[in-house]
Amino acid sequence: MANGHWVSPMSDPRPIGPVRVALVGATGLVGRRVIEVASLGDDVRIVGIARREASLPQGARMEMFVSEPDKWGDVFDAVRPRALICALGTTWKKAGRDEAAFRAVDHDLVIATAEAAKRAGVPNMVLVSAAGADARSKTLYMRVKGETENALSRIGFKRLDILHPGLLRGEREGDLRFAERAAILAAPLVDPLLSGSWARYRSIDAGLVAEAALGFALRRAGGRFTHDSESMRRAAREWRRVGETGEAA
């Protein structure tokens, strides 16, 4: 591939392969869980796209393309995935506490990737956003997330699923995030206290979000859908049921 290369942990690809689903943000908490969940079955083969090589979860069965973002469209053109799962995102700290640097990832890169996928004919996109995302929010994080969602809605995917998880539970690779870990430890006590409009901020396991993302990625009904944690839990249960029975969703 021009200006890039790919590495693949696959050993024996099938003559008639499973559905290919592209994934950006493969090194994050949800991205890694998407790889792990998909690798347990034969229905989906993940095609990861990243700017740099990174360690993959143990037992990963996938392809990983490594190139600069301006070449990611070439990957979409080459592999023609059925859907794109976007789990891209940075943190205020990683962005050097710089608004432009934060926006460059959580807005600009997400939109550029989505546009490249749409040009390549990818019909479905699933975005892992955040509970409370709102383009009118006074909080930078939530405002950027909301602006990104609004921009994606104008790109024209046949189906767009936007996931609004609350606090994500799970082990992050090489990222301690002490404040977040403290919040996770407190979640069993705090979650029951969150009711009404606050219920959307309840914690959710990253594995459930990953299962839901995979399930939504394969759905064929068109439209724009926003999912709270309860909707994601239902989709995750459906994903597991289909995996166990082999029945279509």
C-alpha atoms as a PDB file:
ATOM      1  CA  MET A   1       0.000   0.000   0.000  1.00  0.00           C
ATOM      2  CA  ALA A   2       1.332   3.467  -0.869  1.00  0.00           C
ATOM      3  CA  ASN A   3       2.971   5.305   2.035  1.00  0.00           C
ATOM      4  CA  GLY A   4       1.996   2.594   4.440  1.00  0.00           C
ATOM      5  CA  HIS A   5       2.120  -1.102   5.164  1.00  0.00           C
ATOM      6  CA  TRP A   6       0.005  -3.678   6.840  1.00  0.00           C
ATOM      7  CA  VAL A   7       0.533  -6.440   9.339  1.00  0.00           C
ATOM      8  CA  SER A   8      -1.905  -9.269   9.934  1.00  0.00           C
ATOM      9  CA  PRO A   9      -2.163 -11.821  12.765  1.00  0.00           C
ATOM     10  CA  MET A  10      -4.404 -13.988  10.549  1.00  0.00           C
ATOM     11  CA  SER A  11      -3.190 -17.504   9.914  1.00  0.00           C
ATOM     12  CA  ASP A  12      -5.831 -19.260   7.768  1.00  0.00           C
ATOM     13  CA  PRO A  13      -8.282 -16.898   6.061  1.00  0.00           C
ATOM     14  CA  ARG A  14     -11.381 -18.602   4.658  1.00  0.00           C
ATOM     15  CA  PRO A  15     -12.105 -18.791   0.921  1.00  0.00           C
ATOM     16  CA  ILE A  16     -15.443 -17.113   1.620  1.00  0.00           C
ATOM     17  CA  GLY A  17     -14.619 -14.702   4.385  1.00  0.00           C
ATOM     18  CA  PRO A  18     -16.699 -13.102   7.088  1.00  0.00           C
ATOM     19  CA  VAL A  19     -18.054  -9.572   6.845  1.00  0.00           C
ATOM     20  CA  ARG A  20     -15.311  -6.977   6.958  1.00  0.00           C
ATOM     21  CA  VAL A  21     -15.771  -4.103   9.391  1.00  0.00           C
ATOM     22  CA  ALA A  22     -13.259  -1.253   9.487  1.00  0.00           C
ATOM     23  CA  LEU A  23     -12.150   0.039  12.883  1.00  0.00           C
ATOM     24  CA  VAL A  24     -10.356   3.272  13.724  1.00  0.00           C
ATOM     25  CA  GLY A  25      -9.337   3.828  17.323  1.00  0.00           C
ATOM     26  CA  ALA A  26      -8.214   0.218  17.686  1.00  0.00           C
ATOM     27  CA  THR A  27      -5.778   0.953  20.522  1.00  0.00           C
ATOM     28  CA  GLY A  28      -8.350   2.536  22.852  1.00  0.00           C
ATOM     29  CA  LEU A  29     -10.475   0.829  25.478  1.00  0.00           C
ATOM     30  CA  VAL A  30     -13.520   0.206  23.262  1.00  0.00           C
ATOM     31  CA  GLY A  31     -11.452  -0.433  20.140  1.00  0.00           C
ATOM     32  CA  ARG A  32      -9.471  -3.222  21.775  1.00  0.00           C
ATOM     33  CA  ARG A  33     -12.665  -4.791  23.078  1.00  0.00           C
ATOM     34  CA  VAL A  34     -14.175  -4.675  19.573  1.00  0.00           C
ATOM     35  CA  ILE A  35     -11.167  -6.654  18.330  1.00  0.00           C
ATOM     36  CA  GLU A  36     -11.431  -9.167  21.177  1.00  0.00           C
ATOM     37  CA  VAL A  37     -15.169  -9.706  20.717  1.00  0.00           C
ATOM     38  CA  ALA A  38     -14.981 -10.038  16.933  1.00  0.00           C
ATOM     39  CA  SER A  39     -12.057 -12.468  17.207  1.00  0.00           C
ATOM     40  CA  LEU A  40     -14.180 -14.890  19.246  1.00  0.00           C
ATOM     41  CA  GLY A  41     -16.394 -15.714  16.262  1.00  0.00           C
ATOM     42  CA  ASP A  42     -16.331 -16.067  12.497  1.00  0.00           C
ATOM     43  CA  ASP A  43     -19.034 -13.580  11.490  1.00  0.00           C
ATOM     44  CA  VAL A  44     -16.869 -10.443  11.410  1.00  0.00           C
ATOM     45  CA  ARG A  45     -13.287  -9.766  10.425  1.00  0.00           C
ATOM     46  CA  ILE A  46     -11.951  -6.476  11.752  1.00  0.00           C
ATOM     47  CA  VAL A  47      -9.838  -4.294   9.476  1.00  0.00           C
ATOM     48  CA  GLY A  48      -7.958  -1.925  11.767  1.00  0.00           C
ATOM     49  CA  ILE A  49      -6.617   1.363  10.422  1.00  0.00           C
ATOM     50  CA  ALA A  50      -4.087   3.335  12.436  1.00  0.00           C
ATOM     51  CA  ARG A  51      -1.277   5.867  12.203  1.00  0.00           C
ATOM     52  CA  ARG A  52       1.233   3.658  13.967  1.00  0.00           C
ATOM     53  CA  GLU A  53       1.792   0.037  14.882  1.00  0.00           C
ATOM     54  CA  ALA A  54       0.569  -1.067  18.285  1.00  0.00           C
ATOM     55  CA  SER A  55       0.266  -4.278  20.234  1.00  0.00           C
ATOM     56  CA  LEU A  56      -2.938  -6.183  19.551  1.00  0.00           C
ATOM     57  CA  PRO A  57      -5.058  -8.123  22.047  1.00  0.00           C
ATOM     58  CA  GLN A  58      -4.002 -11.722  22.552  1.00  0.00           C
ATOM     59  CA  GLY A  59      -5.704 -14.011  20.051  1.00  0.00           C
ATOM     60  CA  ALA A  60      -6.652 -11.163  17.700  1.00  0.00           C
ATOM     61  CA  ARG A  61      -7.776 -12.312  14.250  1.00  0.00           C
ATOM     62  CA  MET A  62      -7.774  -9.230  12.067  1.00  0.00           C
ATOM     63  CA  GLU A  63      -5.904  -7.145   9.536  1.00  0.00           C
ATOM     64  CA  MET A  64      -4.128  -3.956  10.587  1.00  0.00           C
ATOM     65  CA  PHE A  65      -3.248  -1.272   8.059  1.00  0.00           C
ATOM     66  CA  VAL A  66      -0.766   1.382   9.155  1.00  0.00           C
ATOM     67  CA  SER A  67      -0.519   4.660   7.262  1.00  0.00           C
ATOM     68  CA  GLU A  68      -0.979   8.389   7.598  1.00  0.00           C
ATOM     69  CA  PRO A  69      -4.628   9.497   7.901  1.00  0.00           C
ATOM     70  CA  ASP A  70      -4.643  11.124   4.472  1.00  0.00           C
ATOM     71  CA  LYS A  71      -4.132   7.621   3.033  1.00  0.00           C
ATOM     72  CA  TRP A  72      -6.896   5.930   5.012  1.00  0.00           C
ATOM     73  CA  GLY A  73      -9.253   6.415   2.087  1.00  0.00           C
ATOM     74  CA  ASP A  74      -6.988   4.102   0.074  1.00  0.00           C
ATOM     75  CA  VAL A  75      -7.626   1.390   2.655  1.00  0.00           C
ATOM     76  CA  PHE A  76     -11.386   1.820   2.420  1.00  0.00           C
ATOM     77  CA  ASP A  77     -11.139   1.631  -1.365  1.00  0.00           C
ATOM     78  CA  ALA A  78      -9.023  -1.531  -1.197  1.00  0.00           C
ATOM     79  CA  VAL A  79     -10.927  -3.560   1.393  1.00  0.00           C
ATOM     80  CA  ARG A  80     -14.503  -2.267   0.872  1.00  0.00           C
ATOM     81  CA  PRO A  81     -15.722  -2.852   4.439  1.00  0.00           C
ATOM     82  CA  ARG A  82     -19.417  -3.305   5.192  1.00  0.00           C
ATOM     83  CA  ALA A  83     -19.227  -0.714   7.979  1.00  0.00           C
ATOM     84  CA  LEU A  84     -16.933   1.628   9.874  1.00  0.00           C
ATOM     85  CA  ILE A  85     -16.694   1.625  13.660  1.00  0.00           C
ATOM     86  CA  CYS A  86     -15.078   4.817  14.916  1.00  0.00           C
ATOM     87  CA  ALA A  87     -13.693   4.720  18.448  1.00  0.00           C
ATOM     88  CA  LEU A  88     -11.259   7.581  17.920  1.00  0.00           C
ATOM     89  CA  GLY A  89     -10.717   9.979  20.771  1.00  0.00           C
ATOM     90  CA  THR A  90      -8.095  11.671  22.853  1.00  0.00           C
ATOM     91  CA  THR A  91      -8.049  13.306  26.268  1.00  0.00           C
ATOM     92  CA  TRP A  92      -7.478  16.857  27.408  1.00  0.00           C
ATOM     93  CA  LYS A  93      -4.176  15.763  28.955  1.00  0.00           C
ATOM     94  CA  LYS A  94      -2.938  13.903  25.858  1.00  0.00           C
ATOM     95  CA  ALA A  95      -3.845  16.903  23.728  1.00  0.00           C
ATOM     96  CA  GLY A  96      -1.501  19.020  25.852  1.00  0.00           C
ATOM     97  CA  ARG A  97      -4.515  20.871  27.251  1.00  0.00           C
ATOM     98  CA  ASP A  98      -4.784  22.585  23.890  1.00  0.00           C
ATOM     99  CA  GLU A  99      -8.252  23.058  22.413  1.00  0.00           C
ATOM    100  CA  ALA A 100      -7.070  22.950  18.792  1.00  0.00           C
ATOM    101  CA  ALA A 101      -5.142  19.710  19.369  1.00  0.00           C
ATOM    102  CA  PHE A 102      -8.133  18.125  21.097  1.00  0.00           C
ATOM    103  CA  ARG A 103     -10.501  19.190  18.318  1.00  0.00           C
ATOM    104  CA  ALA A 104      -8.064  17.923  15.666  1.00  0.00           C
ATOM    105  CA  VAL A 105      -8.649  14.354  16.844  1.00  0.00           C
ATOM    106  CA  ASP A 106     -12.161  14.257  18.277  1.00  0.00           C
ATOM    107  CA  HIS A 107     -13.695  16.329  15.492  1.00  0.00           C
ATOM    108  CA  ASP A 108     -11.462  16.848  12.467  1.00  0.00           C
ATOM    109  CA  LEU A 109      -9.961  13.351  12.211  1.00  0.00           C
ATOM    110  CA  VAL A 110     -13.313  11.676  12.874  1.00  0.00           C
ATOM    111  CA  ILE A 111     -15.015  13.716  10.142  1.00  0.00           C
ATOM    112  CA  ALA A 112     -12.168  13.244   7.629  1.00  0.00           C
ATOM    113  CA  THR A 113     -12.236   9.481   8.226  1.00  0.00           C
ATOM    114  CA  ALA A 114     -16.017   9.334   7.841  1.00  0.00           C
ATOM    115  CA  GLU A 115     -15.878  11.312   4.592  1.00  0.00           C
ATOM    116  CA  ALA A 116     -13.206   8.987   3.205  1.00  0.00           C
ATOM    117  CA  ALA A 117     -15.325   5.955   4.109  1.00  0.00           C
ATOM    118  CA  LYS A 118     -18.422   7.474   2.490  1.00  0.00           C
ATOM    119  CA  ARG A 119     -16.497   8.227  -0.725  1.00  0.00           C
ATOM    120  CA  ALA A 120     -15.418   4.584  -0.814  1.00  0.00           C
ATOM    121  CA  GLY A 121     -19.040   3.449  -0.605  1.00  0.00           C
ATOM    122  CA  VAL A 122     -19.135   2.277   3.026  1.00  0.00           C
ATOM    123  CA  PRO A 123     -22.862   2.313   3.899  1.00  0.00           C
ATOM    124  CA  ASN A 124     -22.812   2.069   7.711  1.00  0.00           C
ATOM    125  CA  MET A 125     -20.964   3.964  10.411  1.00  0.00           C
ATOM    126  CA  VAL A 126     -20.974   3.496  14.174  1.00  0.00           C
ATOM    127  CA  LEU A 127     -19.536   6.295  16.313  1.00  0.00           C
ATOM    128  CA  VAL A 128     -18.571   5.821  19.948  1.00  0.00           C
ATOM    129  CA  SER A 129     -19.404   9.250  21.362  1.00  0.00           C
ATOM    130  CA  ALA A 130     -20.333  10.117  24.956  1.00  0.00           C
ATOM    131  CA  ALA A 131     -23.389  10.567  27.142  1.00  0.00           C
ATOM    132  CA  GLY A 132     -24.135  14.263  27.374  1.00  0.00           C
ATOM    133  CA  ALA A 133     -22.686  15.170  23.972  1.00  0.00           C
ATOM    134  CA  ASP A 134     -24.261  18.469  22.924  1.00  0.00           C
ATOM    135  CA  ALA A 135     -23.049  21.080  20.456  1.00  0.00           C
ATOM    136  CA  ARG A 136     -24.498  23.761  22.776  1.00  0.00           C
ATOM    137  CA  SER A 137     -22.671  22.541  25.877  1.00  0.00           C
ATOM    138  CA  LYS A 138     -20.437  24.911  27.802  1.00  0.00           C
ATOM    139  CA  THR A 139     -18.033  22.025  28.397  1.00  0.00           C
ATOM    140  CA  LEU A 140     -15.444  21.698  25.629  1.00  0.00           C
ATOM    141  CA  TYR A 141     -15.459  17.898  25.639  1.00  0.00           C
ATOM    142  CA  MET A 142     -19.231  17.588  25.310  1.00  0.00           C
ATOM    143  CA  ARG A 143     -19.463  20.469  22.837  1.00  0.00           C
ATOM    144  CA  VAL A 144     -16.899  18.962  20.468  1.00  0.00           C
ATOM    145  CA  LYS A 145     -18.575  15.567  20.693  1.00  0.00           C
ATOM    146  CA  GLY A 146     -21.914  17.159  19.840  1.00  0.00           C
ATOM    147  CA  GLU A 147     -20.485  19.153  16.945  1.00  0.00           C
ATOM    148  CA  THR A 148     -18.919  15.968  15.589  1.00  0.00           C
ATOM    149  CA  GLU A 149     -22.240  14.131  15.731  1.00  0.00           C
ATOM    150  CA  ASN A 150     -23.983  16.965  13.883  1.00  0.00           C
ATOM    151  CA  ALA A 151     -21.323  17.003  11.164  1.00  0.00           C
ATOM    152  CA  LEU A 152     -21.507  13.220  10.714  1.00  0.00           C
ATOM    153  CA  SER A 153     -25.260  13.432  10.236  1.00  0.00           C
ATOM    154  CA  ARG A 154     -24.703  15.568   7.149  1.00  0.00           C
ATOM    155  CA  ILE A 155     -22.268  13.173   5.440  1.00  0.00           C
ATOM    156  CA  GLY A 156     -25.015  10.877   4.209  1.00  0.00           C
ATOM    157  CA  PHE A 157     -24.355   7.331   5.433  1.00  0.00           C
ATOM    158  CA  LYS A 158     -27.181   4.906   4.762  1.00  0.00           C
ATOM    159  CA  ARG A 159     -27.114   4.096   8.466  1.00  0.00           C
ATOM    160  CA  LEU A 160     -25.434   6.057  11.263  1.00  0.00           C
ATOM    161  CA  ASP A 161     -25.430   4.757  14.832  1.00  0.00           C
ATOM    162  CA  ILE A 162     -24.201   7.070  17.583  1.00  0.00           C
ATOM    163  CA  LEU A 163     -23.395   5.470  20.934  1.00  0.00           C
ATOM    164  CA  HIS A 164     -23.690   7.490  24.142  1.00  0.00           C
ATOM    165  CA  PRO A 165     -22.003   5.437  26.865  1.00  0.00           C
ATOM    166  CA  GLY A 166     -21.557   6.831  30.339  1.00  0.00           C
ATOM    167  CA  LEU A 167     -18.378   6.119  32.304  1.00  0.00           C
ATOM    168  CA  LEU A 168     -16.577   3.267  30.568  1.00  0.00           C
ATOM    169  CA  ARG A 169     -15.428   0.397  32.766  1.00  0.00           C
ATOM    170  CA  GLY A 170     -12.411  -1.637  31.700  1.00  0.00           C
ATOM    171  CA  GLU A 171      -8.643  -1.843  31.757  1.00  0.00           C
ATOM    172  CA  ARG A 172      -6.896   0.638  29.477  1.00  0.00           C
ATOM    173  CA  GLU A 173      -3.648  -0.466  27.842  1.00  0.00           C
ATOM    174  CA  GLY A 174      -0.789   1.548  29.362  1.00  0.00           C
ATOM    175  CA  ASP A 175      -3.062   4.357  30.562  1.00  0.00           C
ATOM    176  CA  LEU A 176      -3.656   4.618  34.282  1.00  0.00           C
ATOM    177  CA  ARG A 177      -6.040   7.596  34.370  1.00  0.00           C
ATOM    178  CA  PHE A 178      -6.141   7.614  38.164  1.00  0.00           C
ATOM    179  CA  ALA A 179      -9.171   9.907  38.461  1.00  0.00           C
ATOM    180  CA  GLU A 180     -11.132   7.726  36.068  1.00  0.00           C
ATOM    181  CA  ARG A 181     -10.106   4.578  37.906  1.00  0.00           C
ATOM    182  CA  ALA A 182     -11.320   6.086  41.167  1.00  0.00           C
ATOM    183  CA  ALA A 183     -14.641   6.888  39.514  1.00  0.00           C
ATOM    184  CA  ILE A 184     -14.910   3.294  38.268  1.00  0.00           C
ATOM    185  CA  LEU A 185     -14.304   1.958  41.760  1.00  0.00           C
ATOM    186  CA  ALA A 186     -17.031   4.237  43.080  1.00  0.00           C
ATOM    187  CA  ALA A 187     -19.462   3.374  40.261  1.00  0.00           C
ATOM    188  CA  PRO A 188     -21.313   0.561  42.116  1.00  0.00           C
ATOM    189  CA  LEU A 189     -22.221   3.080  44.808  1.00  0.00           C
ATOM    190  CA  VAL A 190     -22.876   6.050  42.537  1.00  0.00           C
ATOM    191  CA  ASP A 191     -24.800   4.371  39.703  1.00  0.00           C
ATOM    192  CA  PRO A 192     -27.952   3.629  41.774  1.00  0.00           C
ATOM    193  CA  LEU A 193     -28.087   7.297  42.774  1.00  0.00           C
ATOM    194  CA  LEU A 194     -28.219   8.452  39.158  1.00  0.00           C
ATOM    195  CA  SER A 195     -31.860   8.639  38.110  1.00  0.00           C
ATOM    196  CA  GLY A 196     -33.956  10.545  35.626  1.00  0.00           C
ATOM    197  CA  SER A 197     -31.844  12.494  33.133  1.00  0.00           C
ATOM    198  CA  TRP A 198     -28.733  11.580  35.132  1.00  0.00           C
ATOM    199  CA  ALA A 199     -29.185   7.861  34.471  1.00  0.00           C
ATOM    200  CA  ARG A 200     -27.424   8.215  31.116  1.00  0.00           C
ATOM    201  CA  TYR A 201     -24.139   8.807  32.953  1.00  0.00           C
ATOM    202  CA  ARG A 202     -24.192   5.437  34.719  1.00  0.00           C
ATOM    203  CA  SER A 203     -21.127   3.330  34.077  1.00  0.00           C
ATOM    204  CA  ILE A 204     -21.098   0.616  31.425  1.00  0.00           C
ATOM    205  CA  ASP A 205     -18.593  -2.103  30.639  1.00  0.00           C
ATOM    206  CA  ALA A 206     -16.560  -1.403  27.506  1.00  0.00           C
ATOM    207  CA  GLY A 207     -17.192  -4.977  26.362  1.00  0.00           C
ATOM    208  CA  LEU A 208     -20.926  -4.311  26.165  1.00  0.00           C
ATOM    209  CA  VAL A 209     -20.290  -1.179  24.115  1.00  0.00           C
ATOM    210  CA  ALA A 210     -18.081  -3.209  21.763  1.00  0.00           C
ATOM    211  CA  GLU A 211     -20.714  -5.927  21.319  1.00  0.00           C
ATOM    212  CA  ALA A 212     -23.361  -3.305  20.637  1.00  0.00           C
ATOM    213  CA  ALA A 213     -21.136  -1.512  18.126  1.00  0.00           C
ATOM    214  CA  LEU A 214     -20.566  -4.725  16.191  1.00  0.00           C
ATOM    215  CA  GLY A 215     -24.268  -5.538  16.206  1.00  0.00           C
ATOM    216  CA  PHE A 216     -25.257  -2.088  14.970  1.00  0.00           C
ATOM    217  CA  ALA A 217     -22.534  -2.161  12.302  1.00  0.00           C
ATOM    218  CA  LEU A 218     -24.208  -5.121  10.608  1.00  0.00           C
ATOM    219  CA  ARG A 219     -27.795  -3.880  10.694  1.00  0.00           C
ATOM    220  CA  ARG A 220     -29.294  -3.010   7.322  1.00  0.00           C
ATOM    221  CA  ALA A 221     -32.215  -0.733   8.187  1.00  0.00           C
ATOM    222  CA  GLY A 222     -31.332   2.818   7.194  1.00  0.00           C
ATOM    223  CA  GLY A 223     -31.479   5.941   9.318  1.00  0.00           C
ATOM    224  CA  ARG A 224     -29.756   7.844  12.109  1.00  0.00           C
ATOM    225  CA  PHE A 225     -29.938   6.281  15.559  1.00  0.00           C
ATOM    226  CA  THR A 226     -28.696   7.441  18.950  1.00  0.00           C
ATOM    227  CA  HIS A 227     -28.269   4.817  21.661  1.00  0.00           C
ATOM    228  CA  ASP A 228     -28.091   5.206  25.435  1.00  0.00           C
ATOM    229  CA  SER A 229     -26.594   2.583  27.726  1.00  0.00           C
ATOM    230  CA  GLU A 230     -29.814   0.571  27.991  1.00  0.00           C
ATOM    231  CA  SER A 231     -30.123   0.400  24.212  1.00  0.00           C
ATOM    232  CA  MET A 232     -26.502  -0.756  24.013  1.00  0.00           C
ATOM    233  CA  ARG A 233     -27.123  -3.456  26.622  1.00  0.00           C
ATOM    234  CA  ARG A 234     -30.055  -4.786  24.585  1.00  0.00           C
ATOM    235  CA  ALA A 235     -27.950  -4.775  21.415  1.00  0.00           C
ATOM    236  CA  ALA A 236     -25.128  -6.589  23.228  1.00  0.00           C
ATOM    237  CA  ARG A 237     -27.534  -9.302  24.394  1.00  0.00           C
ATOM    238  CA  GLU A 238     -28.790  -9.659  20.819  1.00  0.00           C
ATOM    239  CA  TRP A 239     -25.210  -9.934  19.531  1.00  0.00           C
ATOM    240  CA  ARG A 240     -24.475 -12.757  21.964  1.00  0.00           C
ATOM    241  CA  ARG A 241     -27.741 -14.543  21.144  1.00  0.00           C
ATOM    242  CA  VAL A 242     -27.020 -14.427  17.426  1.00  0.00           C
ATOM    243  CA  GLY A 243     -23.495 -15.662  18.056  1.00  0.00           C
ATOM    244  CA  GLU A 244     -24.793 -18.616  20.051  1.00  0.00           C
ATOM    245  CA  THR A 245     -27.607 -19.620  17.701  1.00  0.00           C
ATOM    246  CA  GLY A 246     -26.277 -18.474  14.336  1.00  0.00           C
ATOM    247  CA  GLU A 247     -29.604 -16.775  13.599  1.00  0.00           C
ATOM    248  CA  ALA A 248     -29.703 -13.479  11.757  1.00  0.00           C
ATOM    249  CA  ALA A 249     -30.304 -10.331  13.768  1.00  0.00           C
END
